[in-house]
Amino acid sequence: MSEPHGFCPAKRALTKLCVILYVYTSIVHMAGTQIPTLVCMCSNVRRAARSLTQLYQEAMRSTGLSSSQFTILQVLSRTGEIMQGRLGEILAMDSTTLTRTLAIMLRGGWIRERRGEDRRERWLRLSESGEAQLKRALPAWGEAQARVRGRIGEEKWKRLFELTTELAGIEAE
């Protein structure tokens, strides 16, 4: 098959490269300024949650705690001894994920458990080691909090707390 008159393979390759670079830089520019709106509330909230989780995970990396572990330590610090089922309800975590995370924390000595009168009941509380882990992680967590608060502003911060708390209670209704 003969090439059309004036065909230049180098020129075609350069044109393809320019198109690829244009598309790539357009995507990077778009991602750097504004992400597209998703029409589904669930999708938007999940995307925001993943983004926040990544930000907090990065901030907490030096502490050796995941954001889930830190959250559990915080809840136990505030509630005192609590049944595992109730902890799962507060965190809206499924039992399997919570049990897996708690097993890691138990092995680390950050939490203590005792069985209730019914052998299926598991009562959890923060250990001294867990309190120390929480205190050690608070500055990193505080930096992440300040970063988000500074990015969205005080009014949106307060409103977001109200809205997310309200959303968390929707399933319970």
N, C-alpha and C. Protein backbone atom coordinates (compact mmCIF):
# COMPACT_ATOMS: atom_id res chain seq x y z
N MET A 1 0.86 -1.16 0.00
CA MET A 1 0.00 0.00 0.00
C MET A 1 0.90 1.22 0.00
N SER A 2 0.65 2.14 -0.89
CA SER A 2 1.49 3.33 -0.97
C SER A 2 0.96 4.42 -0.06
N GLU A 3 1.87 5.21 0.46
CA GLU A 3 1.51 6.32 1.34
C GLU A 3 1.06 7.50 0.49
N PRO A 4 0.16 8.34 1.02
CA PRO A 4 -0.30 9.51 0.26
C PRO A 4 0.87 10.46 0.02
N HIS A 5 0.73 11.24 -1.05
CA HIS A 5 1.76 12.22 -1.42
C HIS A 5 1.97 13.20 -0.27
N GLY A 6 3.19 13.44 0.11
CA GLY A 6 3.52 14.37 1.18
C GLY A 6 3.45 13.76 2.57
N PHE A 7 3.23 12.44 2.67
CA PHE A 7 3.15 11.77 3.96
C PHE A 7 4.51 11.81 4.64
N CYS A 8 4.51 12.15 5.91
CA CYS A 8 5.76 12.20 6.67
C CYS A 8 5.52 11.47 7.99
N PRO A 9 6.11 10.26 8.17
CA PRO A 9 5.90 9.51 9.41
C PRO A 9 6.32 10.28 10.65
N ALA A 10 7.38 11.05 10.58
CA ALA A 10 7.84 11.82 11.73
C ALA A 10 6.81 12.88 12.11
N LYS A 11 6.22 13.49 11.10
CA LYS A 11 5.21 14.53 11.37
C LYS A 11 3.97 13.91 12.03
N ARG A 12 3.56 12.73 11.56
CA ARG A 12 2.40 12.06 12.14
C ARG A 12 2.69 11.69 13.60
N ALA A 13 3.88 11.17 13.87
CA ALA A 13 4.26 10.81 15.24
C ALA A 13 4.28 12.04 16.13
N LEU A 14 4.79 13.15 15.60
CA LEU A 14 4.83 14.39 16.36
C LEU A 14 3.42 14.90 16.65
N THR A 15 2.55 14.78 15.68
CA THR A 15 1.16 15.21 15.86
C THR A 15 0.49 14.36 16.96
N LYS A 16 0.71 13.03 16.91
CA LYS A 16 0.14 12.16 17.94
C LYS A 16 0.67 12.53 19.31
N LEU A 17 1.98 12.78 19.39
CA LEU A 17 2.59 13.15 20.65
C LEU A 17 1.99 14.45 21.18
N CYS A 18 1.78 15.43 20.28
CA CYS A 18 1.19 16.70 20.71
C CYS A 18 -0.23 16.50 21.23
N VAL A 19 -1.00 15.64 20.56
CA VAL A 19 -2.37 15.37 21.01
C VAL A 19 -2.33 14.71 22.38
N ILE A 20 -1.45 13.71 22.56
CA ILE A 20 -1.34 13.02 23.84
C ILE A 20 -0.95 14.01 24.94
N LEU A 21 0.05 14.84 24.66
CA LEU A 21 0.47 15.83 25.66
C LEU A 21 -0.64 16.81 25.97
N TYR A 22 -1.40 17.24 24.98
CA TYR A 22 -2.49 18.17 25.21
C TYR A 22 -3.55 17.55 26.11
N VAL A 23 -3.93 16.30 25.79
CA VAL A 23 -4.94 15.62 26.60
C VAL A 23 -4.42 15.43 28.03
N TYR A 24 -3.18 14.99 28.17
CA TYR A 24 -2.60 14.77 29.49
C TYR A 24 -2.56 16.06 30.30
N THR A 25 -2.05 17.14 29.71
CA THR A 25 -1.96 18.39 30.45
C THR A 25 -3.34 18.95 30.75
N SER A 26 -4.31 18.69 29.89
CA SER A 26 -5.68 19.13 30.16
C SER A 26 -6.25 18.41 31.36
N ILE A 27 -6.00 17.09 31.43
CA ILE A 27 -6.48 16.30 32.56
C ILE A 27 -5.79 16.75 33.84
N VAL A 28 -4.47 16.92 33.79
CA VAL A 28 -3.72 17.36 34.96
C VAL A 28 -4.22 18.73 35.40
N HIS A 29 -4.44 19.64 34.44
CA HIS A 29 -4.93 20.97 34.78
C HIS A 29 -6.31 20.88 35.42
N MET A 30 -7.17 20.05 34.83
CA MET A 30 -8.52 19.89 35.37
C MET A 30 -8.46 19.31 36.78
N ALA A 31 -7.61 18.30 36.97
CA ALA A 31 -7.51 17.67 38.29
C ALA A 31 -6.94 18.64 39.32
N GLY A 32 -6.08 19.54 38.89
CA GLY A 32 -5.45 20.47 39.81
C GLY A 32 -6.37 21.60 40.23
N THR A 33 -7.42 21.86 39.47
CA THR A 33 -8.28 22.98 39.79
C THR A 33 -9.62 22.55 40.34
N GLN A 34 -10.31 21.72 39.58
CA GLN A 34 -11.64 21.31 40.03
C GLN A 34 -11.95 19.93 39.49
N ILE A 35 -12.44 19.08 40.35
CA ILE A 35 -12.81 17.75 39.90
C ILE A 35 -14.26 17.80 39.44
N PRO A 36 -14.62 16.90 38.55
CA PRO A 36 -16.00 16.93 38.06
C PRO A 36 -17.00 16.54 39.15
N THR A 37 -18.16 17.11 39.08
CA THR A 37 -19.23 16.79 40.02
C THR A 37 -19.85 15.46 39.63
N LEU A 38 -20.06 14.63 40.61
CA LEU A 38 -20.76 13.37 40.38
C LEU A 38 -22.23 13.60 40.75
N VAL A 39 -23.12 12.96 40.03
CA VAL A 39 -24.55 13.23 40.25
C VAL A 39 -25.13 12.43 41.41
N CYS A 40 -24.37 11.49 41.94
CA CYS A 40 -24.86 10.63 43.02
C CYS A 40 -24.28 11.10 44.36
N MET A 41 -25.14 11.33 45.34
CA MET A 41 -24.69 11.77 46.66
C MET A 41 -23.74 10.74 47.27
N CYS A 42 -24.10 9.47 47.17
CA CYS A 42 -23.26 8.41 47.73
C CYS A 42 -21.87 8.45 47.11
N SER A 43 -21.80 8.59 45.80
CA SER A 43 -20.50 8.63 45.11
C SER A 43 -19.68 9.82 45.56
N ASN A 44 -20.31 10.97 45.69
CA ASN A 44 -19.59 12.17 46.12
C ASN A 44 -19.08 12.05 47.55
N VAL A 45 -19.91 11.53 48.44
CA VAL A 45 -19.50 11.40 49.84
C VAL A 45 -18.39 10.36 49.97
N ARG A 46 -18.52 9.24 49.24
CA ARG A 46 -17.47 8.21 49.29
C ARG A 46 -16.16 8.73 48.72
N ARG A 47 -16.22 9.49 47.63
CA ARG A 47 -15.00 10.07 47.05
C ARG A 47 -14.37 11.04 48.04
N ALA A 48 -15.18 11.87 48.67
CA ALA A 48 -14.66 12.82 49.67
C ALA A 48 -14.04 12.07 50.84
N ALA A 49 -14.70 11.00 51.28
CA ALA A 49 -14.18 10.20 52.40
C ALA A 49 -12.84 9.56 52.04
N ARG A 50 -12.73 9.04 50.82
CA ARG A 50 -11.46 8.44 50.40
C ARG A 50 -10.35 9.49 50.35
N SER A 51 -10.69 10.66 49.85
CA SER A 51 -9.71 11.74 49.77
C SER A 51 -9.24 12.18 51.16
N LEU A 52 -10.19 12.36 52.06
CA LEU A 52 -9.84 12.73 53.44
C LEU A 52 -9.04 11.64 54.13
N THR A 53 -9.43 10.39 53.90
CA THR A 53 -8.70 9.27 54.51
C THR A 53 -7.26 9.28 54.04
N GLN A 54 -7.03 9.52 52.75
CA GLN A 54 -5.66 9.57 52.24
C GLN A 54 -4.87 10.70 52.89
N LEU A 55 -5.50 11.85 53.05
CA LEU A 55 -4.83 12.98 53.69
C LEU A 55 -4.44 12.65 55.13
N TYR A 56 -5.37 12.08 55.89
CA TYR A 56 -5.11 11.72 57.28
C TYR A 56 -4.09 10.58 57.37
N GLN A 57 -4.21 9.58 56.48
CA GLN A 57 -3.25 8.48 56.49
C GLN A 57 -1.83 9.00 56.29
N GLU A 58 -1.67 9.90 55.36
CA GLU A 58 -0.35 10.48 55.10
C GLU A 58 0.15 11.24 56.32
N ALA A 59 -0.72 12.02 56.93
CA ALA A 59 -0.33 12.79 58.12
C ALA A 59 0.03 11.87 59.28
N MET A 60 -0.64 10.73 59.38
CA MET A 60 -0.46 9.81 60.51
C MET A 60 0.63 8.76 60.26
N ARG A 61 1.18 8.73 59.06
CA ARG A 61 2.14 7.69 58.69
C ARG A 61 3.25 7.53 59.72
N SER A 62 3.80 8.62 60.22
CA SER A 62 4.93 8.55 61.16
C SER A 62 4.53 7.98 62.52
N THR A 63 3.24 7.94 62.81
CA THR A 63 2.79 7.44 64.12
C THR A 63 2.64 5.92 64.14
N GLY A 64 2.57 5.31 62.97
CA GLY A 64 2.37 3.87 62.90
C GLY A 64 0.92 3.45 63.07
N LEU A 65 0.02 4.43 63.15
CA LEU A 65 -1.41 4.14 63.27
C LEU A 65 -2.11 4.42 61.96
N SER A 66 -3.08 3.58 61.63
CA SER A 66 -3.96 3.90 60.50
C SER A 66 -5.03 4.86 61.01
N SER A 67 -5.71 5.49 60.09
CA SER A 67 -6.77 6.41 60.51
C SER A 67 -7.89 5.64 61.22
N SER A 68 -8.16 4.40 60.82
CA SER A 68 -9.18 3.60 61.50
C SER A 68 -8.77 3.28 62.93
N GLN A 69 -7.51 2.90 63.12
CA GLN A 69 -7.03 2.61 64.47
C GLN A 69 -7.08 3.85 65.34
N PHE A 70 -6.67 4.98 64.78
CA PHE A 70 -6.70 6.24 65.54
C PHE A 70 -8.14 6.56 65.95
N THR A 71 -9.07 6.38 65.03
CA THR A 71 -10.47 6.67 65.32
C THR A 71 -10.99 5.77 66.45
N ILE A 72 -10.64 4.50 66.42
CA ILE A 72 -11.06 3.59 67.48
C ILE A 72 -10.47 4.02 68.82
N LEU A 73 -9.19 4.39 68.83
CA LEU A 73 -8.57 4.87 70.07
C LEU A 73 -9.30 6.11 70.59
N GLN A 74 -9.65 7.02 69.69
CA GLN A 74 -10.39 8.23 70.09
C GLN A 74 -11.73 7.88 70.71
N VAL A 75 -12.46 6.99 70.05
CA VAL A 75 -13.80 6.63 70.55
C VAL A 75 -13.68 5.97 71.92
N LEU A 76 -12.74 5.03 72.07
CA LEU A 76 -12.57 4.36 73.36
C LEU A 76 -12.13 5.34 74.44
N SER A 77 -11.36 6.33 74.06
CA SER A 77 -10.94 7.35 75.02
C SER A 77 -12.14 8.16 75.52
N ARG A 78 -13.09 8.37 74.65
CA ARG A 78 -14.27 9.18 75.00
C ARG A 78 -15.37 8.36 75.67
N THR A 79 -15.49 7.09 75.29
CA THR A 79 -16.61 6.30 75.81
C THR A 79 -16.26 5.46 77.03
N GLY A 80 -14.98 5.21 77.23
CA GLY A 80 -14.60 4.26 78.28
C GLY A 80 -14.87 2.86 77.78
N GLU A 81 -15.26 1.96 78.65
CA GLU A 81 -15.52 0.59 78.24
C GLU A 81 -16.82 0.54 77.44
N ILE A 82 -16.78 -0.20 76.34
CA ILE A 82 -17.93 -0.27 75.44
C ILE A 82 -17.99 -1.65 74.80
N MET A 83 -19.20 -2.09 74.48
CA MET A 83 -19.35 -3.38 73.79
C MET A 83 -18.95 -3.22 72.33
N GLN A 84 -18.35 -4.28 71.78
CA GLN A 84 -17.88 -4.22 70.40
C GLN A 84 -19.01 -3.87 69.44
N GLY A 85 -20.18 -4.44 69.65
CA GLY A 85 -21.32 -4.13 68.78
C GLY A 85 -21.67 -2.66 68.77
N ARG A 86 -21.65 -2.05 69.94
CA ARG A 86 -21.95 -0.62 70.04
C ARG A 86 -20.86 0.21 69.37
N LEU A 87 -19.60 -0.20 69.52
CA LEU A 87 -18.50 0.49 68.85
C LEU A 87 -18.70 0.44 67.33
N GLY A 88 -19.08 -0.71 66.82
CA GLY A 88 -19.36 -0.85 65.40
C GLY A 88 -20.48 0.06 64.93
N GLU A 89 -21.51 0.20 65.77
CA GLU A 89 -22.62 1.11 65.44
C GLU A 89 -22.14 2.55 65.39
N ILE A 90 -21.37 2.97 66.38
CA ILE A 90 -20.87 4.34 66.45
C ILE A 90 -20.03 4.66 65.21
N LEU A 91 -19.21 3.69 64.79
CA LEU A 91 -18.30 3.91 63.66
C LEU A 91 -18.91 3.56 62.31
N ALA A 92 -20.11 2.97 62.32
CA ALA A 92 -20.76 2.49 61.10
C ALA A 92 -19.81 1.55 60.35
N MET A 93 -19.15 0.66 61.11
CA MET A 93 -18.22 -0.32 60.54
C MET A 93 -18.85 -1.70 60.58
N ASP A 94 -18.61 -2.46 59.52
CA ASP A 94 -19.11 -3.83 59.53
C ASP A 94 -18.30 -4.66 60.52
N SER A 95 -18.91 -5.70 61.01
CA SER A 95 -18.33 -6.52 62.07
C SER A 95 -17.00 -7.14 61.68
N THR A 96 -16.90 -7.62 60.44
CA THR A 96 -15.66 -8.27 59.99
C THR A 96 -14.49 -7.31 59.98
N THR A 97 -14.69 -6.13 59.42
CA THR A 97 -13.63 -5.13 59.36
C THR A 97 -13.23 -4.68 60.76
N LEU A 98 -14.22 -4.44 61.60
CA LEU A 98 -13.94 -4.02 62.96
C LEU A 98 -13.18 -5.10 63.73
N THR A 99 -13.61 -6.34 63.61
CA THR A 99 -12.94 -7.44 64.31
C THR A 99 -11.48 -7.56 63.86
N ARG A 100 -11.25 -7.44 62.56
CA ARG A 100 -9.88 -7.52 62.03
C ARG A 100 -9.01 -6.39 62.57
N THR A 101 -9.54 -5.18 62.60
CA THR A 101 -8.79 -4.03 63.12
C THR A 101 -8.54 -4.16 64.61
N LEU A 102 -9.54 -4.61 65.33
CA LEU A 102 -9.39 -4.79 66.78
C LEU A 102 -8.35 -5.86 67.11
N ALA A 103 -8.28 -6.91 66.30
CA ALA A 103 -7.29 -7.98 66.55
C ALA A 103 -5.87 -7.41 66.48
N ILE A 104 -5.62 -6.56 65.51
CA ILE A 104 -4.31 -5.92 65.38
C ILE A 104 -4.03 -5.05 66.61
N MET A 105 -5.03 -4.32 67.04
CA MET A 105 -4.87 -3.42 68.17
C MET A 105 -4.70 -4.19 69.48
N LEU A 106 -5.38 -5.32 69.60
CA LEU A 106 -5.21 -6.18 70.78
C LEU A 106 -3.78 -6.73 70.84
N ARG A 107 -3.29 -7.20 69.69
CA ARG A 107 -1.92 -7.72 69.63
C ARG A 107 -0.90 -6.64 69.98
N GLY A 108 -1.21 -5.40 69.59
CA GLY A 108 -0.33 -4.28 69.91
C GLY A 108 -0.44 -3.83 71.36
N GLY A 109 -1.44 -4.35 72.06
CA GLY A 109 -1.63 -3.99 73.45
C GLY A 109 -2.27 -2.63 73.64
N TRP A 110 -2.88 -2.08 72.60
CA TRP A 110 -3.48 -0.74 72.67
C TRP A 110 -4.86 -0.75 73.28
N ILE A 111 -5.51 -1.91 73.23
CA ILE A 111 -6.84 -2.04 73.81
C ILE A 111 -6.89 -3.31 74.65
N ARG A 112 -7.84 -3.35 75.55
CA ARG A 112 -8.08 -4.52 76.38
C ARG A 112 -9.52 -4.97 76.13
N GLU A 113 -9.72 -6.26 76.28
CA GLU A 113 -11.07 -6.78 76.13
C GLU A 113 -11.40 -7.71 77.28
N ARG A 114 -12.67 -7.79 77.56
CA ARG A 114 -13.15 -8.78 78.52
C ARG A 114 -14.47 -9.31 77.98
N ARG A 115 -14.74 -10.53 78.31
CA ARG A 115 -15.99 -11.16 77.90
C ARG A 115 -17.08 -10.77 78.88
N GLY A 116 -18.28 -10.61 78.36
CA GLY A 116 -19.43 -10.29 79.21
C GLY A 116 -20.02 -11.56 79.80
N GLU A 117 -21.17 -11.41 80.43
CA GLU A 117 -21.86 -12.57 81.00
C GLU A 117 -22.21 -13.56 79.90
N ASP A 118 -22.64 -13.03 78.78
CA ASP A 118 -22.87 -13.84 77.59
C ASP A 118 -21.52 -13.91 76.86
N ARG A 119 -21.02 -15.09 76.59
CA ARG A 119 -19.69 -15.26 76.00
C ARG A 119 -19.54 -14.54 74.66
N ARG A 120 -20.65 -14.23 74.02
CA ARG A 120 -20.57 -13.52 72.73
C ARG A 120 -20.28 -12.03 72.93
N GLU A 121 -20.52 -11.53 74.12
CA GLU A 121 -20.26 -10.10 74.40
C GLU A 121 -18.78 -9.86 74.56
N ARG A 122 -18.29 -8.84 73.88
CA ARG A 122 -16.90 -8.41 74.03
C ARG A 122 -16.91 -6.95 74.47
N TRP A 123 -16.38 -6.69 75.63
CA TRP A 123 -16.26 -5.34 76.15
C TRP A 123 -14.85 -4.85 75.87
N LEU A 124 -14.73 -3.65 75.35
CA LEU A 124 -13.43 -3.10 74.96
C LEU A 124 -13.15 -1.81 75.72
N ARG A 125 -11.88 -1.60 75.99
CA ARG A 125 -11.46 -0.34 76.61
C ARG A 125 -10.04 -0.04 76.16
N LEU A 126 -9.67 1.20 76.34
CA LEU A 126 -8.33 1.66 76.00
C LEU A 126 -7.35 1.19 77.08
N SER A 127 -6.19 0.70 76.67
CA SER A 127 -5.15 0.32 77.63
C SER A 127 -4.23 1.53 77.85
N GLU A 128 -3.34 1.42 78.79
CA GLU A 128 -2.35 2.50 79.01
C GLU A 128 -1.51 2.71 77.77
N SER A 129 -1.13 1.62 77.13
CA SER A 129 -0.35 1.71 75.89
C SER A 129 -1.16 2.41 74.80
N GLY A 130 -2.46 2.11 74.74
CA GLY A 130 -3.34 2.77 73.77
C GLY A 130 -3.46 4.26 74.03
N GLU A 131 -3.56 4.63 75.32
CA GLU A 131 -3.61 6.05 75.68
C GLU A 131 -2.33 6.75 75.23
N ALA A 132 -1.19 6.08 75.42
CA ALA A 132 0.10 6.66 75.00
C ALA A 132 0.15 6.80 73.47
N GLN A 133 -0.35 5.79 72.75
CA GLN A 133 -0.39 5.85 71.28
C GLN A 133 -1.25 7.02 70.82
N LEU A 134 -2.40 7.17 71.46
CA LEU A 134 -3.31 8.25 71.11
C LEU A 134 -2.65 9.60 71.34
N LYS A 135 -2.05 9.79 72.49
CA LYS A 135 -1.39 11.06 72.80
C LYS A 135 -0.25 11.35 71.83
N ARG A 136 0.49 10.30 71.46
CA ARG A 136 1.60 10.47 70.54
C ARG A 136 1.12 10.86 69.14
N ALA A 137 -0.06 10.38 68.76
CA ALA A 137 -0.60 10.64 67.42
C ALA A 137 -1.38 11.95 67.32
N LEU A 138 -1.78 12.52 68.45
CA LEU A 138 -2.61 13.73 68.42
C LEU A 138 -2.00 14.89 67.63
N PRO A 139 -0.71 15.18 67.74
CA PRO A 139 -0.17 16.29 66.94
C PRO A 139 -0.31 16.08 65.43
N ALA A 140 -0.03 14.87 64.94
CA ALA A 140 -0.17 14.59 63.51
C ALA A 140 -1.63 14.71 63.07
N TRP A 141 -2.52 14.18 63.90
CA TRP A 141 -3.94 14.29 63.61
C TRP A 141 -4.37 15.76 63.60
N GLY A 142 -3.88 16.52 64.58
CA GLY A 142 -4.22 17.94 64.66
C GLY A 142 -3.76 18.71 63.43
N GLU A 143 -2.59 18.35 62.90
CA GLU A 143 -2.10 19.00 61.67
C GLU A 143 -3.03 18.71 60.50
N ALA A 144 -3.49 17.47 60.38
CA ALA A 144 -4.41 17.12 59.31
C ALA A 144 -5.73 17.87 59.48
N GLN A 145 -6.21 17.94 60.71
CA GLN A 145 -7.45 18.68 60.99
C GLN A 145 -7.30 20.14 60.57
N ALA A 146 -6.18 20.74 60.97
CA ALA A 146 -5.94 22.15 60.66
C ALA A 146 -5.84 22.37 59.16
N ARG A 147 -5.23 21.42 58.47
CA ARG A 147 -5.09 21.55 57.02
C ARG A 147 -6.45 21.57 56.34
N VAL A 148 -7.32 20.67 56.73
CA VAL A 148 -8.65 20.61 56.14
C VAL A 148 -9.45 21.85 56.53
N ARG A 149 -9.41 22.18 57.80
CA ARG A 149 -10.15 23.35 58.29
C ARG A 149 -9.70 24.62 57.57
N GLY A 150 -8.40 24.77 57.39
CA GLY A 150 -7.87 25.95 56.69
C GLY A 150 -8.28 25.98 55.23
N ARG A 151 -8.37 24.81 54.62
CA ARG A 151 -8.71 24.72 53.20
C ARG A 151 -10.17 25.08 52.95
N ILE A 152 -11.07 24.64 53.83
CA ILE A 152 -12.49 24.88 53.56
C ILE A 152 -13.08 26.04 54.35
N GLY A 153 -12.38 26.52 55.36
CA GLY A 153 -12.88 27.65 56.15
C GLY A 153 -13.73 27.21 57.32
N GLU A 154 -13.83 28.09 58.30
CA GLU A 154 -14.50 27.76 59.57
C GLU A 154 -15.98 27.46 59.41
N GLU A 155 -16.70 28.27 58.64
CA GLU A 155 -18.14 28.04 58.49
C GLU A 155 -18.45 26.72 57.81
N LYS A 156 -17.74 26.42 56.71
CA LYS A 156 -17.95 25.14 56.03
C LYS A 156 -17.54 23.98 56.92
N TRP A 157 -16.48 24.17 57.70
CA TRP A 157 -16.01 23.13 58.63
C TRP A 157 -17.13 22.76 59.61
N LYS A 158 -17.72 23.78 60.22
CA LYS A 158 -18.80 23.54 61.18
C LYS A 158 -20.00 22.89 60.50
N ARG A 159 -20.35 23.40 59.34
CA ARG A 159 -21.50 22.86 58.61
C ARG A 159 -21.25 21.41 58.18
N LEU A 160 -20.03 21.14 57.76
CA LEU A 160 -19.69 19.78 57.33
C LEU A 160 -19.81 18.80 58.49
N PHE A 161 -19.39 19.21 59.68
CA PHE A 161 -19.56 18.35 60.86
C PHE A 161 -21.05 18.06 61.09
N GLU A 162 -21.87 19.08 60.99
CA GLU A 162 -23.31 18.89 61.18
C GLU A 162 -23.89 17.94 60.13
N LEU A 163 -23.53 18.18 58.87
CA LEU A 163 -24.08 17.38 57.78
C LEU A 163 -23.62 15.92 57.84
N THR A 164 -22.34 15.70 58.12
CA THR A 164 -21.85 14.33 58.15
C THR A 164 -22.44 13.57 59.34
N THR A 165 -22.63 14.25 60.46
CA THR A 165 -23.27 13.60 61.60
C THR A 165 -24.71 13.25 61.26
N GLU A 166 -25.39 14.15 60.59
CA GLU A 166 -26.77 13.89 60.17
C GLU A 166 -26.82 12.73 59.17
N LEU A 167 -25.90 12.73 58.20
CA LEU A 167 -25.86 11.65 57.22
C LEU A 167 -25.58 10.31 57.87
N ALA A 168 -24.70 10.29 58.87
CA ALA A 168 -24.35 9.05 59.55
C ALA A 168 -25.56 8.43 60.24
N GLY A 169 -26.55 9.23 60.58
CA GLY A 169 -27.74 8.73 61.27
C GLY A 169 -28.86 8.32 60.36
N ILE A 170 -28.70 8.50 59.06
CA ILE A 170 -29.78 8.20 58.13
C ILE A 170 -30.17 6.73 58.16
N GLU A 171 -29.21 5.82 58.17
CA GLU A 171 -29.50 4.39 58.14
C GLU A 171 -30.27 3.96 59.39
N ALA A 172 -30.00 4.61 60.51
CA ALA A 172 -30.64 4.22 61.78
C ALA A 172 -32.13 4.58 61.80
N GLU A 173 -32.56 5.47 60.95
CA GLU A 173 -33.97 5.91 60.96
C GLU A 173 -34.93 4.86 60.46
